[in-house]
Amino acid sequence: GIQDLRIAIEGTVRNEKYVNQEVSMRWMMFLDELISQRSDKLNIGDFINLSSARSIAEDVGIIQQYEQDQALQLFHEHGMIVHLTSTEALKNIVVLKPQWLVDALSK
């Protein structure tokens, strides 16, 4: 039943390499600050521009743009944010609420 499914999912997830991946405290602070920008109000806090994200990163001690990009990529890969980099227009947007983007695209 449900308990068996839960055990199977937990077992599978524990074996994923990202579960035990070490991440810098600065990156965690960066993620916390990005998440704190979210708002429950309609369309406010759904996304920010890349320069705002970089400013937040700098505030928590992530100065190098390369490291900022790595952190954003990791957060994106884990579904915490959406940061697409295929075009300049997309690269300049950091979606703080991935579900908002899904909902917007499904309408």
PDB file of N, CA and C in Angstrom:
ATOM      1  N   GLY A   1       0.802  -1.187   0.000  1.00  0.00           N
ATOM      2  CA  GLY A   1       0.000   0.000   0.000  1.00  0.00           C
ATOM      3  C   GLY A   1       0.851   1.260   0.000  1.00  0.00           C
ATOM      4  N   ILE A   2       0.317   2.268   0.606  1.00  0.00           N
ATOM      5  CA  ILE A   2       0.976   3.583   0.668  1.00  0.00           C
ATOM      6  C   ILE A   2       2.316   3.493   1.397  1.00  0.00           C
ATOM      7  N   GLN A   3       2.361   2.739   2.483  1.00  0.00           N
ATOM      8  CA  GLN A   3       3.604   2.608   3.252  1.00  0.00           C
ATOM      9  C   GLN A   3       4.701   1.958   2.407  1.00  0.00           C
ATOM     10  N   ASP A   4       4.354   0.956   1.624  1.00  0.00           N
ATOM     11  CA  ASP A   4       5.335   0.303   0.755  1.00  0.00           C
ATOM     12  C   ASP A   4       5.860   1.273  -0.296  1.00  0.00           C
ATOM     13  N   LEU A   5       4.963   2.072  -0.849  1.00  0.00           N
ATOM     14  CA  LEU A   5       5.360   3.077  -1.829  1.00  0.00           C
ATOM     15  C   LEU A   5       6.308   4.095  -1.200  1.00  0.00           C
ATOM     16  N   ARG A   6       5.974   4.558   0.003  1.00  0.00           N
ATOM     17  CA  ARG A   6       6.816   5.529   0.712  1.00  0.00           C
ATOM     18  C   ARG A   6       8.211   4.952   0.946  1.00  0.00           C
ATOM     19  N   ILE A   7       8.290   3.709   1.377  1.00  0.00           N
ATOM     20  CA  ILE A   7       9.578   3.063   1.639  1.00  0.00           C
ATOM     21  C   ILE A   7      10.384   2.934   0.344  1.00  0.00           C
ATOM     22  N   ALA A   8       9.719   2.563  -0.745  1.00  0.00           N
ATOM     23  CA  ALA A   8      10.393   2.426  -2.037  1.00  0.00           C
ATOM     24  C   ALA A   8      10.943   3.773  -2.516  1.00  0.00           C
ATOM     25  N   ILE A   9      10.156   4.825  -2.374  1.00  0.00           N
ATOM     26  CA  ILE A   9      10.606   6.167  -2.796  1.00  0.00           C
ATOM     27  C   ILE A   9      11.777   6.620  -1.945  1.00  0.00           C
ATOM     28  N   GLU A  10      11.679   6.463  -0.627  1.00  0.00           N
ATOM     29  CA  GLU A  10      12.770   6.874   0.258  1.00  0.00           C
ATOM     30  C   GLU A  10      14.055   6.120  -0.062  1.00  0.00           C
ATOM     31  N   GLY A  11      13.937   4.826  -0.330  1.00  0.00           N
ATOM     32  CA  GLY A  11      15.112   4.026  -0.674  1.00  0.00           C
ATOM     33  C   GLY A  11      15.762   4.496  -1.961  1.00  0.00           C
ATOM     34  N   THR A  12      14.945   4.804  -2.943  1.00  0.00           N
ATOM     35  CA  THR A  12      15.464   5.286  -4.220  1.00  0.00           C
ATOM     36  C   THR A  12      16.134   6.641  -4.072  1.00  0.00           C
ATOM     37  N   VAL A  13      15.491   7.540  -3.358  1.00  0.00           N
ATOM     38  CA  VAL A  13      16.025   8.896  -3.187  1.00  0.00           C
ATOM     39  C   VAL A  13      17.347   8.870  -2.427  1.00  0.00           C
ATOM     40  N   ARG A  14      17.446   8.053  -1.406  1.00  0.00           N
ATOM     41  CA  ARG A  14      18.687   7.972  -0.619  1.00  0.00           C
ATOM     42  C   ARG A  14      19.878   7.570  -1.467  1.00  0.00           C
ATOM     43  N   ASN A  15      19.649   6.837  -2.547  1.00  0.00           N
ATOM     44  CA  ASN A  15      20.739   6.383  -3.404  1.00  0.00           C
ATOM     45  C   ASN A  15      21.145   7.415  -4.456  1.00  0.00           C
ATOM     46  N   GLU A  16      20.405   8.507  -4.564  1.00  0.00           N
ATOM     47  CA  GLU A  16      20.746   9.546  -5.536  1.00  0.00           C
ATOM     48  C   GLU A  16      21.960  10.334  -5.047  1.00  0.00           C
ATOM     49  N   LYS A  17      22.872  10.660  -5.962  1.00  0.00           N
ATOM     50  CA  LYS A  17      24.120  11.329  -5.578  1.00  0.00           C
ATOM     51  C   LYS A  17      23.879  12.719  -4.993  1.00  0.00           C
ATOM     52  N   TYR A  18      22.826  13.398  -5.421  1.00  0.00           N
ATOM     53  CA  TYR A  18      22.600  14.765  -4.955  1.00  0.00           C
ATOM     54  C   TYR A  18      22.107  14.838  -3.516  1.00  0.00           C
ATOM     55  N   VAL A  19      21.612  13.741  -2.978  1.00  0.00           N
ATOM     56  CA  VAL A  19      21.074  13.762  -1.616  1.00  0.00           C
ATOM     57  C   VAL A  19      22.171  14.077  -0.608  1.00  0.00           C
ATOM     58  N   ASN A  20      23.352  13.537  -0.833  1.00  0.00           N
ATOM     59  CA  ASN A  20      24.461  13.751   0.099  1.00  0.00           C
ATOM     60  C   ASN A  20      25.489  14.736  -0.436  1.00  0.00           C
ATOM     61  N   GLN A  21      25.122  15.495  -1.445  1.00  0.00           N
ATOM     62  CA  GLN A  21      26.037  16.459  -2.034  1.00  0.00           C
ATOM     63  C   GLN A  21      26.271  17.613  -1.064  1.00  0.00           C
ATOM     64  N   GLU A  22      27.532  17.899  -0.807  1.00  0.00           N
ATOM     65  CA  GLU A  22      27.857  19.013   0.078  1.00  0.00           C
ATOM     66  C   GLU A  22      27.750  20.321  -0.694  1.00  0.00           C
ATOM     67  N   VAL A  23      27.173  21.304  -0.024  1.00  0.00           N
ATOM     68  CA  VAL A  23      26.974  22.613  -0.644  1.00  0.00           C
ATOM     69  C   VAL A  23      27.470  23.672   0.339  1.00  0.00           C
ATOM     70  N   SER A  24      28.108  24.675  -0.184  1.00  0.00           N
ATOM     71  CA  SER A  24      28.630  25.772   0.632  1.00  0.00           C
ATOM     72  C   SER A  24      27.514  26.466   1.416  1.00  0.00           C
ATOM     73  N   MET A  25      27.836  26.903   2.621  1.00  0.00           N
ATOM     74  CA  MET A  25      26.859  27.653   3.422  1.00  0.00           C
ATOM     75  C   MET A  25      26.435  28.934   2.703  1.00  0.00           C
ATOM     76  N   ARG A  26      27.350  29.538   1.957  1.00  0.00           N
ATOM     77  CA  ARG A  26      26.997  30.746   1.198  1.00  0.00           C
ATOM     78  C   ARG A  26      25.929  30.426   0.172  1.00  0.00           C
ATOM     79  N   TRP A  27      26.021  29.258  -0.457  1.00  0.00           N
ATOM     80  CA  TRP A  27      25.012  28.866  -1.439  1.00  0.00           C
ATOM     81  C   TRP A  27      23.670  28.667  -0.766  1.00  0.00           C
ATOM     82  N   MET A  28      23.694  28.072   0.428  1.00  0.00           N
ATOM     83  CA  MET A  28      22.438  27.875   1.158  1.00  0.00           C
ATOM     84  C   MET A  28      21.838  29.226   1.565  1.00  0.00           C
ATOM     85  N   MET A  29      22.692  30.153   1.973  1.00  0.00           N
ATOM     86  CA  MET A  29      22.215  31.493   2.316  1.00  0.00           C
ATOM     87  C   MET A  29      21.643  32.179   1.072  1.00  0.00           C
ATOM     88  N   PHE A  30      22.280  31.976  -0.066  1.00  0.00           N
ATOM     89  CA  PHE A  30      21.808  32.533  -1.331  1.00  0.00           C
ATOM     90  C   PHE A  30      20.412  31.983  -1.645  1.00  0.00           C
ATOM     91  N   LEU A  31      20.259  30.669  -1.543  1.00  0.00           N
ATOM     92  CA  LEU A  31      18.957  30.059  -1.795  1.00  0.00           C
ATOM     93  C   LEU A  31      17.907  30.579  -0.816  1.00  0.00           C
ATOM     94  N   ASP A  32      18.260  30.669   0.456  1.00  0.00           N
ATOM     95  CA  ASP A  32      17.316  31.189   1.455  1.00  0.00           C
ATOM     96  C   ASP A  32      16.867  32.599   1.111  1.00  0.00           C
ATOM     97  N   GLU A  33      17.796  33.423   0.663  1.00  0.00           N
ATOM     98  CA  GLU A  33      17.452  34.804   0.298  1.00  0.00           C
ATOM     99  C   GLU A  33      16.575  34.843  -0.952  1.00  0.00           C
ATOM    100  N   LEU A  34      16.872  33.987  -1.922  1.00  0.00           N
ATOM    101  CA  LEU A  34      16.021  33.927  -3.115  1.00  0.00           C
ATOM    102  C   LEU A  34      14.602  33.525  -2.729  1.00  0.00           C
ATOM    103  N   ILE A  35      14.490  32.504  -1.900  1.00  0.00           N
ATOM    104  CA  ILE A  35      13.173  32.027  -1.483  1.00  0.00           C
ATOM    105  C   ILE A  35      12.432  33.094  -0.692  1.00  0.00           C
ATOM    106  N   SER A  36      13.167  33.868   0.090  1.00  0.00           N
ATOM    107  CA  SER A  36      12.516  34.915   0.888  1.00  0.00           C
ATOM    108  C   SER A  36      11.933  36.023   0.000  1.00  0.00           C
ATOM    109  N   GLN A  37      12.352  36.076  -1.257  1.00  0.00           N
ATOM    110  CA  GLN A  37      11.814  37.072  -2.195  1.00  0.00           C
ATOM    111  C   GLN A  37      10.431  36.680  -2.702  1.00  0.00           C
ATOM    112  N   ARG A  38      10.076  35.411  -2.515  1.00  0.00           N
ATOM    113  CA  ARG A  38       8.758  34.934  -2.965  1.00  0.00           C
ATOM    114  C   ARG A  38       7.665  35.620  -2.164  1.00  0.00           C
ATOM    115  N   SER A  39       6.523  35.742  -2.788  1.00  0.00           N
ATOM    116  CA  SER A  39       5.380  36.336  -2.121  1.00  0.00           C
ATOM    117  C   SER A  39       4.139  35.535  -2.467  1.00  0.00           C
ATOM    118  N   ASP A  40       3.191  35.526  -1.570  1.00  0.00           N
ATOM    119  CA  ASP A  40       1.930  34.847  -1.839  1.00  0.00           C
ATOM    120  C   ASP A  40       0.996  35.717  -2.673  1.00  0.00           C
ATOM    121  N   LYS A  41       1.353  36.986  -2.826  1.00  0.00           N
ATOM    122  CA  LYS A  41       0.512  37.889  -3.604  1.00  0.00           C
ATOM    123  C   LYS A  41       0.627  37.553  -5.086  1.00  0.00           C
ATOM    124  N   LEU A  42      -0.448  37.699  -5.802  1.00  0.00           N
ATOM    125  CA  LEU A  42      -0.498  37.370  -7.217  1.00  0.00           C
ATOM    126  C   LEU A  42       0.564  38.128  -8.011  1.00  0.00           C
ATOM    127  N   ASN A  43       1.417  37.383  -8.703  1.00  0.00           N
ATOM    128  CA  ASN A  43       2.438  37.916  -9.615  1.00  0.00           C
ATOM    129  C   ASN A  43       3.513  38.764  -8.948  1.00  0.00           C
ATOM    130  N   ILE A  44       3.503  38.869  -7.634  1.00  0.00           N
ATOM    131  CA  ILE A  44       4.568  39.609  -6.954  1.00  0.00           C
ATOM    132  C   ILE A  44       5.490  38.581  -6.334  1.00  0.00           C
ATOM    133  N   GLY A  45       6.761  38.623  -6.689  1.00  0.00           N
ATOM    134  CA  GLY A  45       7.700  37.658  -6.162  1.00  0.00           C
ATOM    135  C   GLY A  45       7.742  36.354  -6.932  1.00  0.00           C
ATOM    136  N   ASP A  46       7.116  36.321  -8.110  1.00  0.00           N
ATOM    137  CA  ASP A  46       7.155  35.104  -8.915  1.00  0.00           C
ATOM    138  C   ASP A  46       8.514  34.955  -9.604  1.00  0.00           C
ATOM    139  N   PHE A  47       9.112  36.076  -9.960  1.00  0.00           N
ATOM    140  CA  PHE A  47      10.414  36.039 -10.613  1.00  0.00           C
ATOM    141  C   PHE A  47      11.158  37.345 -10.335  1.00  0.00           C
ATOM    142  N   ILE A  48      12.481  37.296 -10.533  1.00  0.00           N
ATOM    143  CA  ILE A  48      13.321  38.493 -10.431  1.00  0.00           C
ATOM    144  C   ILE A  48      14.260  38.480 -11.627  1.00  0.00           C
ATOM    145  N   ASN A  49      14.896  39.600 -11.882  1.00  0.00           N
ATOM    146  CA  ASN A  49      15.856  39.621 -12.978  1.00  0.00           C
ATOM    147  C   ASN A  49      17.214  39.122 -12.472  1.00  0.00           C
ATOM    148  N   LEU A  50      18.069  38.742 -13.406  1.00  0.00           N
ATOM    149  CA  LEU A  50      19.355  38.148 -13.067  1.00  0.00           C
ATOM    150  C   LEU A  50      20.219  39.109 -12.254  1.00  0.00           C
ATOM    151  N   SER A  51      20.166  40.392 -12.573  1.00  0.00           N
ATOM    152  CA  SER A  51      21.000  41.339 -11.824  1.00  0.00           C
ATOM    153  C   SER A  51      20.579  41.397 -10.356  1.00  0.00           C
ATOM    154  N   SER A  52      19.285  41.259 -10.076  1.00  0.00           N
ATOM    155  CA  SER A  52      18.831  41.215  -8.683  1.00  0.00           C
ATOM    156  C   SER A  52      19.330  39.948  -7.995  1.00  0.00           C
ATOM    157  N   ALA A  53      19.296  38.841  -8.709  1.00  0.00           N
ATOM    158  CA  ALA A  53      19.805  37.583  -8.142  1.00  0.00           C
ATOM    159  C   ALA A  53      21.298  37.700  -7.863  1.00  0.00           C
ATOM    160  N   ARG A  54      22.029  38.317  -8.779  1.00  0.00           N
ATOM    161  CA  ARG A  54      23.477  38.498  -8.571  1.00  0.00           C
ATOM    162  C   ARG A  54      23.737  39.396  -7.356  1.00  0.00           C
ATOM    163  N   SER A  55      22.941  40.415  -7.189  1.00  0.00           N
ATOM    164  CA  SER A  55      23.087  41.307  -6.042  1.00  0.00           C
ATOM    165  C   SER A  55      22.862  40.549  -4.732  1.00  0.00           C
ATOM    166  N   ILE A  56      21.847  39.681  -4.715  1.00  0.00           N
ATOM    167  CA  ILE A  56      21.582  38.858  -3.532  1.00  0.00           C
ATOM    168  C   ILE A  56      22.779  37.951  -3.263  1.00  0.00           C
ATOM    169  N   ALA A  57      23.319  37.347  -4.326  1.00  0.00           N
ATOM    170  CA  ALA A  57      24.477  36.464  -4.178  1.00  0.00           C
ATOM    171  C   ALA A  57      25.664  37.235  -3.586  1.00  0.00           C
ATOM    172  N   GLU A  58      25.900  38.426  -4.083  1.00  0.00           N
ATOM    173  CA  GLU A  58      27.006  39.237  -3.576  1.00  0.00           C
ATOM    174  C   GLU A  58      26.798  39.590  -2.107  1.00  0.00           C
ATOM    175  N   ASP A  59      25.552  39.844  -1.727  1.00  0.00           N
ATOM    176  CA  ASP A  59      25.245  40.181  -0.328  1.00  0.00           C
ATOM    177  C   ASP A  59      25.595  39.054   0.633  1.00  0.00           C
ATOM    178  N   VAL A  60      25.560  37.804   0.145  1.00  0.00           N
ATOM    179  CA  VAL A  60      25.893  36.670   1.020  1.00  0.00           C
ATOM    180  C   VAL A  60      27.317  36.159   0.783  1.00  0.00           C
ATOM    181  N   GLY A  61      28.091  36.911   0.005  1.00  0.00           N
ATOM    182  CA  GLY A  61      29.510  36.594  -0.155  1.00  0.00           C
ATOM    183  C   GLY A  61      29.876  35.806  -1.390  1.00  0.00           C
ATOM    184  N   ILE A  62      28.954  35.638  -2.321  1.00  0.00           N
ATOM    185  CA  ILE A  62      29.275  34.956  -3.584  1.00  0.00           C
ATOM    186  C   ILE A  62      29.550  36.042  -4.607  1.00  0.00           C
ATOM    187  N   ILE A  63      30.816  36.358  -4.772  1.00  0.00           N
ATOM    188  CA  ILE A  63      31.226  37.513  -5.571  1.00  0.00           C
ATOM    189  C   ILE A  63      31.423  37.151  -7.040  1.00  0.00           C
ATOM    190  N   GLN A  64      32.041  36.014  -7.307  1.00  0.00           N
ATOM    191  CA  GLN A  64      32.374  35.624  -8.676  1.00  0.00           C
ATOM    192  C   GLN A  64      31.115  35.224  -9.450  1.00  0.00           C
ATOM    193  N   GLN A  65      30.944  35.766 -10.643  1.00  0.00           N
ATOM    194  CA  GLN A  65      29.777  35.430 -11.459  1.00  0.00           C
ATOM    195  C   GLN A  65      29.742  33.949 -11.811  1.00  0.00           C
ATOM    196  N   TYR A  66      30.911  33.351 -12.001  1.00  0.00           N
ATOM    197  CA  TYR A  66      30.957  31.924 -12.318  1.00  0.00           C
ATOM    198  C   TYR A  66      30.341  31.107 -11.185  1.00  0.00           C
ATOM    199  N   GLU A  67      30.675  31.447  -9.953  1.00  0.00           N
ATOM    200  CA  GLU A  67      30.113  30.724  -8.807  1.00  0.00           C
ATOM    201  C   GLU A  67      28.614  31.003  -8.669  1.00  0.00           C
ATOM    202  N   GLN A  68      28.196  32.228  -8.944  1.00  0.00           N
ATOM    203  CA  GLN A  68      26.769  32.566  -8.915  1.00  0.00           C
ATOM    204  C   GLN A  68      26.019  31.706  -9.927  1.00  0.00           C
ATOM    205  N   ASP A  69      26.594  31.588 -11.135  1.00  0.00           N
ATOM    206  CA  ASP A  69      25.968  30.786 -12.180  1.00  0.00           C
ATOM    207  C   ASP A  69      25.887  29.314 -11.790  1.00  0.00           C
ATOM    208  N   GLN A  70      26.944  28.807 -11.149  1.00  0.00           N
ATOM    209  CA  GLN A  70      26.938  27.415 -10.688  1.00  0.00           C
ATOM    210  C   GLN A  70      25.830  27.188  -9.667  1.00  0.00           C
ATOM    211  N   ALA A  71      25.691  28.117  -8.726  1.00  0.00           N
ATOM    212  CA  ALA A  71      24.652  27.989  -7.696  1.00  0.00           C
ATOM    213  C   ALA A  71      23.272  28.031  -8.336  1.00  0.00           C
ATOM    214  N   LEU A  72      23.045  28.971  -9.239  1.00  0.00           N
ATOM    215  CA  LEU A  72      21.752  29.067  -9.917  1.00  0.00           C
ATOM    216  C   LEU A  72      21.452  27.796 -10.707  1.00  0.00           C
ATOM    217  N   GLN A  73      22.472  27.227 -11.348  1.00  0.00           N
ATOM    218  CA  GLN A  73      22.284  25.997 -12.109  1.00  0.00           C
ATOM    219  C   GLN A  73      21.897  24.847 -11.174  1.00  0.00           C
ATOM    220  N   LEU A  74      22.563  24.734 -10.034  1.00  0.00           N
ATOM    221  CA  LEU A  74      22.232  23.675  -9.081  1.00  0.00           C
ATOM    222  C   LEU A  74      20.806  23.836  -8.568  1.00  0.00           C
ATOM    223  N   PHE A  75      20.430  25.060  -8.199  1.00  0.00           N
ATOM    224  CA  PHE A  75      19.072  25.309  -7.710  1.00  0.00           C
ATOM    225  C   PHE A  75      18.040  24.966  -8.789  1.00  0.00           C
ATOM    226  N   HIS A  76      18.377  25.295 -10.035  1.00  0.00           N
ATOM    227  CA  HIS A  76      17.486  24.972 -11.163  1.00  0.00           C
ATOM    228  C   HIS A  76      17.368  23.461 -11.346  1.00  0.00           C
ATOM    229  N   GLU A  77      18.506  22.762 -11.320  1.00  0.00           N
ATOM    230  CA  GLU A  77      18.507  21.313 -11.524  1.00  0.00           C
ATOM    231  C   GLU A  77      17.688  20.586 -10.459  1.00  0.00           C
ATOM    232  N   HIS A  78      17.620  21.161  -9.279  1.00  0.00           N
ATOM    233  CA  HIS A  78      16.877  20.539  -8.179  1.00  0.00           C
ATOM    234  C   HIS A  78      15.451  21.063  -8.060  1.00  0.00           C
ATOM    235  N   GLY A  79      15.054  21.930  -9.008  1.00  0.00           N
ATOM    236  CA  GLY A  79      13.673  22.393  -9.051  1.00  0.00           C
ATOM    237  C   GLY A  79      13.304  23.455  -8.033  1.00  0.00           C
ATOM    238  N   MET A  80      14.304  24.070  -7.428  1.00  0.00           N
ATOM    239  CA  MET A  80      14.032  25.101  -6.424  1.00  0.00           C
ATOM    240  C   MET A  80      13.690  26.434  -7.072  1.00  0.00           C
ATOM    241  N   ILE A  81      14.273  26.669  -8.226  1.00  0.00           N
ATOM    242  CA  ILE A  81      14.003  27.852  -9.050  1.00  0.00           C
ATOM    243  C   ILE A  81      13.980  27.378 -10.500  1.00  0.00           C
ATOM    244  N   VAL A  82      13.636  28.277 -11.399  1.00  0.00           N
ATOM    245  CA  VAL A  82      13.802  28.009 -12.832  1.00  0.00           C
ATOM    246  C   VAL A  82      14.694  29.116 -13.371  1.00  0.00           C
ATOM    247  N   HIS A  83      15.836  28.690 -13.930  1.00  0.00           N
ATOM    248  CA  HIS A  83      16.754  29.642 -14.553  1.00  0.00           C
ATOM    249  C   HIS A  83      17.240  29.023 -15.850  1.00  0.00           C
ATOM    250  N   LEU A  84      16.611  29.430 -16.944  1.00  0.00           N
ATOM    251  CA  LEU A  84      16.951  28.910 -18.262  1.00  0.00           C
ATOM    252  C   LEU A  84      18.016  29.803 -18.881  1.00  0.00           C
ATOM    253  N   THR A  85      18.948  29.200 -19.597  1.00  0.00           N
ATOM    254  CA  THR A  85      20.075  29.974 -20.121  1.00  0.00           C
ATOM    255  C   THR A  85      20.250  29.844 -21.632  1.00  0.00           C
ATOM    256  N   SER A  86      19.243  29.336 -22.323  1.00  0.00           N
ATOM    257  CA  SER A  86      19.394  29.094 -23.757  1.00  0.00           C
ATOM    258  C   SER A  86      19.401  30.380 -24.588  1.00  0.00           C
ATOM    259  N   THR A  87      18.780  31.447 -24.087  1.00  0.00           N
ATOM    260  CA  THR A  87      18.832  32.742 -24.774  1.00  0.00           C
ATOM    261  C   THR A  87      19.119  33.829 -23.741  1.00  0.00           C
ATOM    262  N   GLU A  88      19.556  34.971 -24.221  1.00  0.00           N
ATOM    263  CA  GLU A  88      19.831  36.079 -23.302  1.00  0.00           C
ATOM    264  C   GLU A  88      18.571  36.522 -22.564  1.00  0.00           C
ATOM    265  N   ALA A  89      17.445  36.543 -23.274  1.00  0.00           N
ATOM    266  CA  ALA A  89      16.190  36.967 -22.640  1.00  0.00           C
ATOM    267  C   ALA A  89      15.831  36.026 -21.487  1.00  0.00           C
ATOM    268  N   LEU A  90      15.942  34.720 -21.722  1.00  0.00           N
ATOM    269  CA  LEU A  90      15.622  33.759 -20.665  1.00  0.00           C
ATOM    270  C   LEU A  90      16.654  33.801 -19.549  1.00  0.00           C
ATOM    271  N   LYS A  91      17.905  34.003 -19.919  1.00  0.00           N
ATOM    272  CA  LYS A  91      18.986  34.021 -18.920  1.00  0.00           C
ATOM    273  C   LYS A  91      18.788  35.143 -17.911  1.00  0.00           C
ATOM    274  N   ASN A  92      18.143  36.199 -18.327  1.00  0.00           N
ATOM    275  CA  ASN A  92      17.980  37.363 -17.457  1.00  0.00           C
ATOM    276  C   ASN A  92      16.784  37.258 -16.513  1.00  0.00           C
ATOM    277  N   ILE A  93      16.117  36.108 -16.495  1.00  0.00           N
ATOM    278  CA  ILE A  93      14.969  35.909 -15.605  1.00  0.00           C
ATOM    279  C   ILE A  93      15.232  34.724 -14.694  1.00  0.00           C
ATOM    280  N   VAL A  94      14.992  34.911 -13.404  1.00  0.00           N
ATOM    281  CA  VAL A  94      15.088  33.833 -12.431  1.00  0.00           C
ATOM    282  C   VAL A  94      13.691  33.667 -11.842  1.00  0.00           C
ATOM    283  N   VAL A  95      13.067  32.536 -12.151  1.00  0.00           N
ATOM    284  CA  VAL A  95      11.720  32.264 -11.656  1.00  0.00           C
ATOM    285  C   VAL A  95      11.839  31.681 -10.254  1.00  0.00           C
ATOM    286  N   LEU A  96      11.272  32.376  -9.280  1.00  0.00           N
ATOM    287  CA  LEU A  96      11.369  31.966  -7.884  1.00  0.00           C
ATOM    288  C   LEU A  96      10.309  30.955  -7.497  1.00  0.00           C
ATOM    289  N   LYS A  97       9.234  30.905  -8.273  1.00  0.00           N
ATOM    290  CA  LYS A  97       8.133  29.974  -8.006  1.00  0.00           C
ATOM    291  C   LYS A  97       7.947  29.087  -9.235  1.00  0.00           C
ATOM    292  N   PRO A  98       8.633  27.954  -9.292  1.00  0.00           N
ATOM    293  CA  PRO A  98       8.494  27.089 -10.468  1.00  0.00           C
ATOM    294  C   PRO A  98       7.046  26.716 -10.776  1.00  0.00           C
ATOM    295  N   GLN A  99       6.224  26.526  -9.762  1.00  0.00           N
ATOM    296  CA  GLN A  99       4.825  26.164 -10.000  1.00  0.00           C
ATOM    297  C   GLN A  99       4.085  27.287 -10.715  1.00  0.00           C
ATOM    298  N   TRP A 100       4.450  28.534 -10.432  1.00  0.00           N
ATOM    299  CA  TRP A 100       3.839  29.670 -11.123  1.00  0.00           C
ATOM    300  C   TRP A 100       4.082  29.562 -12.628  1.00  0.00           C
ATOM    301  N   LEU A 101       5.310  29.194 -13.006  1.00  0.00           N
ATOM    302  CA  LEU A 101       5.635  29.068 -14.420  1.00  0.00           C
ATOM    303  C   LEU A 101       4.842  27.925 -15.055  1.00  0.00           C
ATOM    304  N   VAL A 102       4.761  26.812 -14.380  1.00  0.00           N
ATOM    305  CA  VAL A 102       3.970  25.675 -14.885  1.00  0.00           C
ATOM    306  C   VAL A 102       2.519  26.094 -15.092  1.00  0.00           C
ATOM    307  N   ASP A 103       1.958  26.766 -14.089  1.00  0.00           N
ATOM    308  CA  ASP A 103       0.560  27.210 -14.192  1.00  0.00           C
ATOM    309  C   ASP A 103       0.382  28.187 -15.348  1.00  0.00           C
ATOM    310  N   ALA A 104       1.318  29.118 -15.495  1.00  0.00           N
ATOM    311  CA  ALA A 104       1.214  30.130 -16.552  1.00  0.00           C
ATOM    312  C   ALA A 104       1.298  29.481 -17.938  1.00  0.00           C
ATOM    313  N   LEU A 105       2.145  28.490 -18.090  1.00  0.00           N
ATOM    314  CA  LEU A 105       2.304  27.839 -19.395  1.00  0.00           C
ATOM    315  C   LEU A 105       1.147  26.894 -19.718  1.00  0.00           C
ATOM    316  N   SER A 106       0.450  26.447 -18.695  1.00  0.00           N
ATOM    317  CA  SER A 106      -0.632  25.491 -18.940  1.00  0.00           C
ATOM    318  C   SER A 106      -1.967  26.164 -19.230  1.00  0.00           C
ATOM    319  N   LYS A 107      -2.020  27.477 -19.135  1.00  0.00           N
ATOM    320  CA  LYS A 107      -3.277  28.191 -19.388  1.00  0.00           C
ATOM    321  C   LYS A 107      -3.483  28.412 -20.868  1.00  0.00           C
TER     322      LYS A 107
END
